[in-house]
Amino acid sequence: RAGLGFALSVPFPSPLEAQIAHGSLAPDRE
């Protein structure tokens, strides 16, 4: 339910490194 929220933006040296981090972290479901 829309109640509490938190947003985080993490800078990486390059777009490729941001994509690599996304690929590593996205599969972790709650």
Full PDB file with SEQRES, HELIX, SHEET, SSBOND, CRYST1, ORIGX, SCALE, CONECT and MASTER records, all heavy atoms in Angstrom:
SEQRES   1 A   30  ARG ALA GLY LEU GLY PHE ALA LEU SER VAL PRO PHE PRO          
SEQRES   2 A   30  SER PRO LEU GLU ALA GLN ILE ALA HIS GLY SER LEU ALA          
SEQRES   3 A   30  PRO ASP ARG GLU                                              
HELIX    1 AA1 PRO A   15  LEU A   25  1                                  11    
CRYST1    1.000    1.000    1.000  90.00  90.00  90.00 P 1           1          
ORIGX1      1.000000  0.000000  0.000000        0.00000                         
ORIGX2      0.000000  1.000000  0.000000        0.00000                         
ORIGX3      0.000000  0.000000  1.000000        0.00000                         
SCALE1      1.000000  0.000000  0.000000        0.00000                         
SCALE2      0.000000  1.000000  0.000000        0.00000                         
SCALE3      0.000000  0.000000  1.000000        0.00000                         
ATOM      1  N   ARG A   1       0.843  -1.185   0.000  1.00  0.00           N  
ATOM      2  CA  ARG A   1       0.000   0.000   0.000  1.00  0.00           C  
ATOM      3  C   ARG A   1       0.878   1.234   0.000  1.00  0.00           C  
ATOM      4  O   ARG A   1       1.955   1.228   0.582  1.00  0.00           O  
ATOM      5  CB  ARG A   1      -0.893   0.008   1.237  1.00  0.00           C  
ATOM      6  CG  ARG A   1      -2.107  -0.849   1.064  1.00  0.00           C  
ATOM      7  CD  ARG A   1      -3.025  -0.699   2.265  1.00  0.00           C  
ATOM      8  NE  ARG A   1      -3.222  -2.030   2.800  1.00  0.00           N  
ATOM      9  CZ  ARG A   1      -2.739  -2.469   3.936  1.00  0.00           C  
ATOM     10  NH1 ARG A   1      -2.025  -1.701   4.713  1.00  0.00           N  
ATOM     11  NH2 ARG A   1      -2.968  -3.695   4.332  1.00  0.00           N  
ATOM     12  N   ALA A   2       0.388   2.284  -0.673  1.00  0.00           N  
ATOM     13  CA  ALA A   2       1.142   3.537  -0.682  1.00  0.00           C  
ATOM     14  C   ALA A   2       1.105   4.102   0.735  1.00  0.00           C  
ATOM     15  O   ALA A   2       0.075   4.532   1.206  1.00  0.00           O  
ATOM     16  CB  ALA A   2       0.537   4.508  -1.685  1.00  0.00           C  
ATOM     17  N   GLY A   3       2.197   4.042   1.444  1.00  0.00           N  
ATOM     18  CA  GLY A   3       2.283   4.550   2.796  1.00  0.00           C  
ATOM     19  C   GLY A   3       3.631   5.204   2.988  1.00  0.00           C  
ATOM     20  O   GLY A   3       3.780   6.399   2.851  1.00  0.00           O  
ATOM     21  N   LEU A   4       4.628   4.385   3.268  1.00  0.00           N  
ATOM     22  CA  LEU A   4       5.989   4.864   3.449  1.00  0.00           C  
ATOM     23  C   LEU A   4       6.788   4.627   2.177  1.00  0.00           C  
ATOM     24  O   LEU A   4       6.557   3.655   1.469  1.00  0.00           O  
ATOM     25  CB  LEU A   4       6.656   4.109   4.598  1.00  0.00           C  
ATOM     26  CG  LEU A   4       5.974   4.221   5.956  1.00  0.00           C  
ATOM     27  CD1 LEU A   4       6.589   3.242   6.933  1.00  0.00           C  
ATOM     28  CD2 LEU A   4       6.102   5.638   6.485  1.00  0.00           C  
ATOM     29  N   GLY A   5       7.731   5.499   1.917  1.00  0.00           N  
ATOM     30  CA  GLY A   5       8.558   5.331   0.737  1.00  0.00           C  
ATOM     31  C   GLY A   5       9.968   5.818   0.983  1.00  0.00           C  
ATOM     32  O   GLY A   5      10.221   6.595   1.907  1.00  0.00           O  
ATOM     33  N   PHE A   6      10.873   5.322   0.169  1.00  0.00           N  
ATOM     34  CA  PHE A   6      12.265   5.749   0.233  1.00  0.00           C  
ATOM     35  C   PHE A   6      12.843   5.622  -1.160  1.00  0.00           C  
ATOM     36  O   PHE A   6      12.565   4.641  -1.858  1.00  0.00           O  
ATOM     37  CB  PHE A   6      13.056   4.872   1.211  1.00  0.00           C  
ATOM     38  CG  PHE A   6      14.482   5.296   1.382  1.00  0.00           C  
ATOM     39  CD1 PHE A   6      14.811   6.420   2.118  1.00  0.00           C  
ATOM     40  CD2 PHE A   6      15.511   4.571   0.794  1.00  0.00           C  
ATOM     41  CE1 PHE A   6      16.136   6.817   2.270  1.00  0.00           C  
ATOM     42  CE2 PHE A   6      16.833   4.954   0.937  1.00  0.00           C  
ATOM     43  CZ  PHE A   6      17.145   6.085   1.685  1.00  0.00           C  
ATOM     44  N   ALA A   7      13.621   6.612  -1.582  1.00  0.00           N  
ATOM     45  CA  ALA A   7      14.252   6.579  -2.901  1.00  0.00           C  
ATOM     46  C   ALA A   7      15.744   6.823  -2.745  1.00  0.00           C  
ATOM     47  O   ALA A   7      16.177   7.599  -1.881  1.00  0.00           O  
ATOM     48  CB  ALA A   7      13.640   7.631  -3.813  1.00  0.00           C  
ATOM     49  N   LEU A   8      16.512   6.128  -3.572  1.00  0.00           N  
ATOM     50  CA  LEU A   8      17.961   6.216  -3.524  1.00  0.00           C  
ATOM     51  C   LEU A   8      18.490   6.261  -4.950  1.00  0.00           C  
ATOM     52  O   LEU A   8      18.030   5.500  -5.797  1.00  0.00           O  
ATOM     53  CB  LEU A   8      18.514   4.972  -2.805  1.00  0.00           C  
ATOM     54  CG  LEU A   8      20.026   4.797  -2.719  1.00  0.00           C  
ATOM     55  CD1 LEU A   8      20.619   5.848  -1.782  1.00  0.00           C  
ATOM     56  CD2 LEU A   8      20.348   3.395  -2.210  1.00  0.00           C  
ATOM     57  N   SER A   9      19.423   7.162  -5.215  1.00  0.00           N  
ATOM     58  CA  SER A   9      20.100   7.225  -6.510  1.00  0.00           C  
ATOM     59  C   SER A   9      21.589   7.065  -6.271  1.00  0.00           C  
ATOM     60  O   SER A   9      22.186   7.808  -5.494  1.00  0.00           O  
ATOM     61  CB  SER A   9      19.833   8.556  -7.211  1.00  0.00           C  
ATOM     62  OG  SER A   9      18.470   8.655  -7.573  1.00  0.00           O  
ATOM     63  N   VAL A  10      22.179   6.064  -6.935  1.00  0.00           N  
ATOM     64  CA  VAL A  10      23.586   5.745  -6.734  1.00  0.00           C  
ATOM     65  C   VAL A  10      24.347   6.042  -8.025  1.00  0.00           C  
ATOM     66  O   VAL A  10      24.064   5.437  -9.058  1.00  0.00           O  
ATOM     67  CB  VAL A  10      23.767   4.257  -6.368  1.00  0.00           C  
ATOM     68  CG1 VAL A  10      25.231   3.940  -6.097  1.00  0.00           C  
ATOM     69  CG2 VAL A  10      22.892   3.875  -5.181  1.00  0.00           C  
ATOM     70  N   PRO A  11      25.307   6.975  -7.988  1.00  0.00           N  
ATOM     71  CA  PRO A  11      26.089   7.266  -9.184  1.00  0.00           C  
ATOM     72  C   PRO A  11      27.186   6.214  -9.389  1.00  0.00           C  
ATOM     73  O   PRO A  11      27.798   5.742  -8.431  1.00  0.00           O  
ATOM     74  CB  PRO A  11      26.707   8.637  -8.895  1.00  0.00           C  
ATOM     75  CG  PRO A  11      26.821   8.678  -7.405  1.00  0.00           C  
ATOM     76  CD  PRO A  11      25.672   7.853  -6.870  1.00  0.00           C  
ATOM     77  N   PHE A  12      27.414   5.872 -10.643  1.00  0.00           N  
ATOM     78  CA  PHE A  12      28.496   4.964 -11.024  1.00  0.00           C  
ATOM     79  C   PHE A  12      29.391   5.696 -12.013  1.00  0.00           C  
ATOM     80  O   PHE A  12      28.967   6.667 -12.648  1.00  0.00           O  
ATOM     81  CB  PHE A  12      27.929   3.683 -11.640  1.00  0.00           C  
ATOM     82  CG  PHE A  12      27.378   2.735 -10.612  1.00  0.00           C  
ATOM     83  CD1 PHE A  12      26.073   2.853 -10.170  1.00  0.00           C  
ATOM     84  CD2 PHE A  12      28.180   1.746 -10.071  1.00  0.00           C  
ATOM     85  CE1 PHE A  12      25.574   1.994  -9.203  1.00  0.00           C  
ATOM     86  CE2 PHE A  12      27.688   0.877  -9.105  1.00  0.00           C  
ATOM     87  CZ  PHE A  12      26.378   1.009  -8.673  1.00  0.00           C  
ATOM     88  N   PRO A  13      30.644   5.256 -12.169  1.00  0.00           N  
ATOM     89  CA  PRO A  13      31.560   5.930 -13.091  1.00  0.00           C  
ATOM     90  C   PRO A  13      31.084   5.924 -14.544  1.00  0.00           C  
ATOM     91  O   PRO A  13      31.443   6.823 -15.302  1.00  0.00           O  
ATOM     92  CB  PRO A  13      32.867   5.144 -12.955  1.00  0.00           C  
ATOM     93  CG  PRO A  13      32.791   4.497 -11.614  1.00  0.00           C  
ATOM     94  CD  PRO A  13      31.328   4.216 -11.389  1.00  0.00           C  
ATOM     95  N   SER A  14      30.272   4.930 -14.927  1.00  0.00           N  
ATOM     96  CA  SER A  14      29.812   4.860 -16.318  1.00  0.00           C  
ATOM     97  C   SER A  14      28.426   4.222 -16.370  1.00  0.00           C  
ATOM     98  O   SER A  14      28.018   3.522 -15.438  1.00  0.00           O  
ATOM     99  CB  SER A  14      30.783   4.013 -17.155  1.00  0.00           C  
ATOM    100  OG  SER A  14      30.665   2.645 -16.792  1.00  0.00           O  
ATOM    101  N   PRO A  15      27.701   4.457 -17.478  1.00  0.00           N  
ATOM    102  CA  PRO A  15      26.408   3.796 -17.651  1.00  0.00           C  
ATOM    103  C   PRO A  15      26.523   2.265 -17.650  1.00  0.00           C  
ATOM    104  O   PRO A  15      25.645   1.577 -17.124  1.00  0.00           O  
ATOM    105  CB  PRO A  15      25.912   4.314 -19.007  1.00  0.00           C  
ATOM    106  CG  PRO A  15      26.583   5.638 -19.166  1.00  0.00           C  
ATOM    107  CD  PRO A  15      27.936   5.459 -18.529  1.00  0.00           C  
ATOM    108  N   LEU A  16      27.613   1.741 -18.205  1.00  0.00           N  
ATOM    109  CA  LEU A  16      27.799   0.289 -18.232  1.00  0.00           C  
ATOM    110  C   LEU A  16      27.906  -0.268 -16.817  1.00  0.00           C  
ATOM    111  O   LEU A  16      27.316  -1.306 -16.499  1.00  0.00           O  
ATOM    112  CB  LEU A  16      29.039  -0.077 -19.051  1.00  0.00           C  
ATOM    113  CG  LEU A  16      29.370  -1.571 -19.156  1.00  0.00           C  
ATOM    114  CD1 LEU A  16      28.192  -2.362 -19.717  1.00  0.00           C  
ATOM    115  CD2 LEU A  16      30.614  -1.773 -20.008  1.00  0.00           C  
ATOM    116  N   GLU A  17      28.624   0.414 -15.944  1.00  0.00           N  
ATOM    117  CA  GLU A  17      28.745  -0.050 -14.561  1.00  0.00           C  
ATOM    118  C   GLU A  17      27.412   0.040 -13.822  1.00  0.00           C  
ATOM    119  O   GLU A  17      27.088  -0.836 -13.013  1.00  0.00           O  
ATOM    120  CB  GLU A  17      29.842   0.725 -13.839  1.00  0.00           C  
ATOM    121  CG  GLU A  17      31.226   0.309 -14.320  1.00  0.00           C  
ATOM    122  CD  GLU A  17      32.315   1.266 -13.904  1.00  0.00           C  
ATOM    123  OE1 GLU A  17      32.352   2.386 -14.457  1.00  0.00           O  
ATOM    124  OE2 GLU A  17      33.126   0.879 -13.037  1.00  0.00           O  
ATOM    125  N   ALA A  18      26.611   1.056 -14.118  1.00  0.00           N  
ATOM    126  CA  ALA A  18      25.268   1.146 -13.527  1.00  0.00           C  
ATOM    127  C   ALA A  18      24.405  -0.019 -13.992  1.00  0.00           C  
ATOM    128  O   ALA A  18      23.664  -0.609 -13.197  1.00  0.00           O  
ATOM    129  CB  ALA A  18      24.620   2.482 -13.892  1.00  0.00           C  
ATOM    130  N   GLN A  19      24.522  -0.393 -15.276  1.00  0.00           N  
ATOM    131  CA  GLN A  19      23.765  -1.533 -15.805  1.00  0.00           C  
ATOM    132  C   GLN A  19      24.236  -2.846 -15.179  1.00  0.00           C  
ATOM    133  O   GLN A  19      23.417  -3.722 -14.885  1.00  0.00           O  
ATOM    134  CB  GLN A  19      23.912  -1.616 -17.327  1.00  0.00           C  
ATOM    135  CG  GLN A  19      23.115  -0.577 -18.087  1.00  0.00           C  
ATOM    136  CD  GLN A  19      21.611  -0.826 -18.007  1.00  0.00           C  
ATOM    137  OE1 GLN A  19      21.144  -1.891 -17.652  1.00  0.00           O  
ATOM    138  NE2 GLN A  19      20.849   0.198 -18.354  1.00  0.00           N  
ATOM    139  N   ILE A  20      25.530  -2.992 -14.971  1.00  0.00           N  
ATOM    140  CA  ILE A  20      26.067  -4.201 -14.339  1.00  0.00           C  
ATOM    141  C   ILE A  20      25.526  -4.321 -12.906  1.00  0.00           C  
ATOM    142  O   ILE A  20      25.089  -5.400 -12.483  1.00  0.00           O  
ATOM    143  CB  ILE A  20      27.606  -4.197 -14.354  1.00  0.00           C  
ATOM    144  CG1 ILE A  20      28.112  -4.389 -15.788  1.00  0.00           C  
ATOM    145  CG2 ILE A  20      28.176  -5.272 -13.435  1.00  0.00           C  
ATOM    146  CD1 ILE A  20      29.601  -4.143 -15.963  1.00  0.00           C  
ATOM    147  N   ALA A  21      25.535  -3.229 -12.169  1.00  0.00           N  
ATOM    148  CA  ALA A  21      25.001  -3.246 -10.802  1.00  0.00           C  
ATOM    149  C   ALA A  21      23.512  -3.588 -10.819  1.00  0.00           C  
ATOM    150  O   ALA A  21      23.045  -4.397 -10.012  1.00  0.00           O  
ATOM    151  CB  ALA A  21      25.232  -1.893 -10.126  1.00  0.00           C  
ATOM    152  N   HIS A  22      22.777  -3.003 -11.750  1.00  0.00           N  
ATOM    153  CA  HIS A  22      21.343  -3.301 -11.883  1.00  0.00           C  
ATOM    154  C   HIS A  22      21.139  -4.788 -12.137  1.00  0.00           C  
ATOM    155  O   HIS A  22      20.293  -5.428 -11.504  1.00  0.00           O  
ATOM    156  CB  HIS A  22      20.733  -2.473 -13.010  1.00  0.00           C  
ATOM    157  CG  HIS A  22      19.286  -2.735 -13.233  1.00  0.00           C  
ATOM    158  ND1 HIS A  22      18.842  -3.722 -14.089  1.00  0.00           N  
ATOM    159  CD2 HIS A  22      18.186  -2.144 -12.718  1.00  0.00           C  
ATOM    160  CE1 HIS A  22      17.521  -3.732 -14.093  1.00  0.00           C  
ATOM    161  NE2 HIS A  22      17.101  -2.779 -13.267  1.00  0.00           N  
ATOM    162  N   GLY A  23      21.923  -5.346 -13.046  1.00  0.00           N  
ATOM    163  CA  GLY A  23      21.799  -6.764 -13.356  1.00  0.00           C  
ATOM    164  C   GLY A  23      22.122  -7.660 -12.174  1.00  0.00           C  
ATOM    165  O   GLY A  23      21.550  -8.745 -12.028  1.00  0.00           O  
ATOM    166  N   SER A  24      23.021  -7.217 -11.322  1.00  0.00           N  
ATOM    167  CA  SER A  24      23.388  -7.995 -10.147  1.00  0.00           C  
ATOM    168  C   SER A  24      22.369  -7.875  -9.024  1.00  0.00           C  
ATOM    169  O   SER A  24      22.167  -8.811  -8.256  1.00  0.00           O  
ATOM    170  CB  SER A  24      24.746  -7.535  -9.611  1.00  0.00           C  
ATOM    171  OG  SER A  24      25.752  -7.771 -10.554  1.00  0.00           O  
ATOM    172  N   LEU A  25      21.735  -6.726  -8.913  1.00  0.00           N  
ATOM    173  CA  LEU A  25      20.838  -6.465  -7.782  1.00  0.00           C  
ATOM    174  C   LEU A  25      19.359  -6.681  -8.090  1.00  0.00           C  
ATOM    175  O   LEU A  25      18.583  -6.978  -7.187  1.00  0.00           O  
ATOM    176  CB  LEU A  25      21.044  -5.036  -7.286  1.00  0.00           C  
ATOM    177  CG  LEU A  25      22.433  -4.768  -6.711  1.00  0.00           C  
ATOM    178  CD1 LEU A  25      22.688  -3.267  -6.616  1.00  0.00           C  
ATOM    179  CD2 LEU A  25      22.581  -5.424  -5.356  1.00  0.00           C  
ATOM    180  N   ALA A  26      18.955  -6.541  -9.340  1.00  0.00           N  
ATOM    181  CA  ALA A  26      17.537  -6.644  -9.684  1.00  0.00           C  
ATOM    182  C   ALA A  26      16.922  -8.004  -9.391  1.00  0.00           C  
ATOM    183  O   ALA A  26      15.758  -8.072  -9.011  1.00  0.00           O  
ATOM    184  CB  ALA A  26      17.323  -6.257 -11.147  1.00  0.00           C  
ATOM    185  N   PRO A  27      17.657  -9.130  -9.550  1.00  0.00           N  
ATOM    186  CA  PRO A  27      17.022 -10.425  -9.292  1.00  0.00           C  
ATOM    187  C   PRO A  27      16.623 -10.655  -7.836  1.00  0.00           C  
ATOM    188  O   PRO A  27      15.847 -11.549  -7.546  1.00  0.00           O  
ATOM    189  CB  PRO A  27      18.087 -11.446  -9.704  1.00  0.00           C  
ATOM    190  CG  PRO A  27      19.008 -10.705 -10.598  1.00  0.00           C  
ATOM    191  CD  PRO A  27      18.981  -9.286 -10.121  1.00  0.00           C  
ATOM    192  N   ASP A  28      17.161  -9.864  -6.897  1.00  0.00           N  
ATOM    193  CA  ASP A  28      16.851 -10.062  -5.487  1.00  0.00           C  
ATOM    194  C   ASP A  28      15.465  -9.522  -5.157  1.00  0.00           C  
ATOM    195  O   ASP A  28      15.287  -8.351  -4.878  1.00  0.00           O  
ATOM    196  CB  ASP A  28      17.892  -9.378  -4.591  1.00  0.00           C  
ATOM    197  CG  ASP A  28      19.259 -10.019  -4.690  1.00  0.00           C  
ATOM    198  OD1 ASP A  28      19.316 -11.185  -5.094  1.00  0.00           O  
ATOM    199  OD2 ASP A  28      20.244  -9.342  -4.382  1.00  0.00           O  
ATOM    200  N   ARG A  29      14.495 -10.412  -5.195  1.00  0.00           N  
ATOM    201  CA  ARG A  29      13.129 -10.028  -4.852  1.00  0.00           C  
ATOM    202  C   ARG A  29      12.991  -9.947  -3.342  1.00  0.00           C  
ATOM    203  O   ARG A  29      13.721 -10.583  -2.596  1.00  0.00           O  
ATOM    204  CB  ARG A  29      12.137 -11.040  -5.391  1.00  0.00           C  
ATOM    205  CG  ARG A  29      12.056 -11.079  -6.889  1.00  0.00           C  
ATOM    206  CD  ARG A  29      10.678 -11.610  -7.282  1.00  0.00           C  
ATOM    207  NE  ARG A  29      10.445 -11.518  -8.698  1.00  0.00           N  
ATOM    208  CZ  ARG A  29      10.042 -10.422  -9.331  1.00  0.00           C  
ATOM    209  NH1 ARG A  29       9.874  -9.310  -8.674  1.00  0.00           N  
ATOM    210  NH2 ARG A  29       9.817 -10.426 -10.616  1.00  0.00           N  
ATOM    211  N   GLU A  30      12.002  -9.184  -2.911  1.00  0.00           N  
ATOM    212  CA  GLU A  30      11.715  -9.089  -1.488  1.00  0.00           C  
ATOM    213  C   GLU A  30      11.207 -10.437  -0.991  1.00  0.00           C  
ATOM    214  O   GLU A  30      10.389 -11.071  -1.655  1.00  0.00           O  
ATOM    215  CB  GLU A  30      10.655  -8.002  -1.229  1.00  0.00           C  
ATOM    216  CG  GLU A  30      11.135  -6.603  -1.548  1.00  0.00           C  
ATOM    217  CD  GLU A  30      12.326  -6.181  -0.714  1.00  0.00           C  
ATOM    218  OE1 GLU A  30      12.447  -6.590   0.459  1.00  0.00           O  
ATOM    219  OE2 GLU A  30      13.178  -5.457  -1.241  1.00  0.00           O  
TER     220      GLU A  30                                                      
MASTER        0    0    0    1    0    0    0    6  219    1    0    3          
END                                                                             
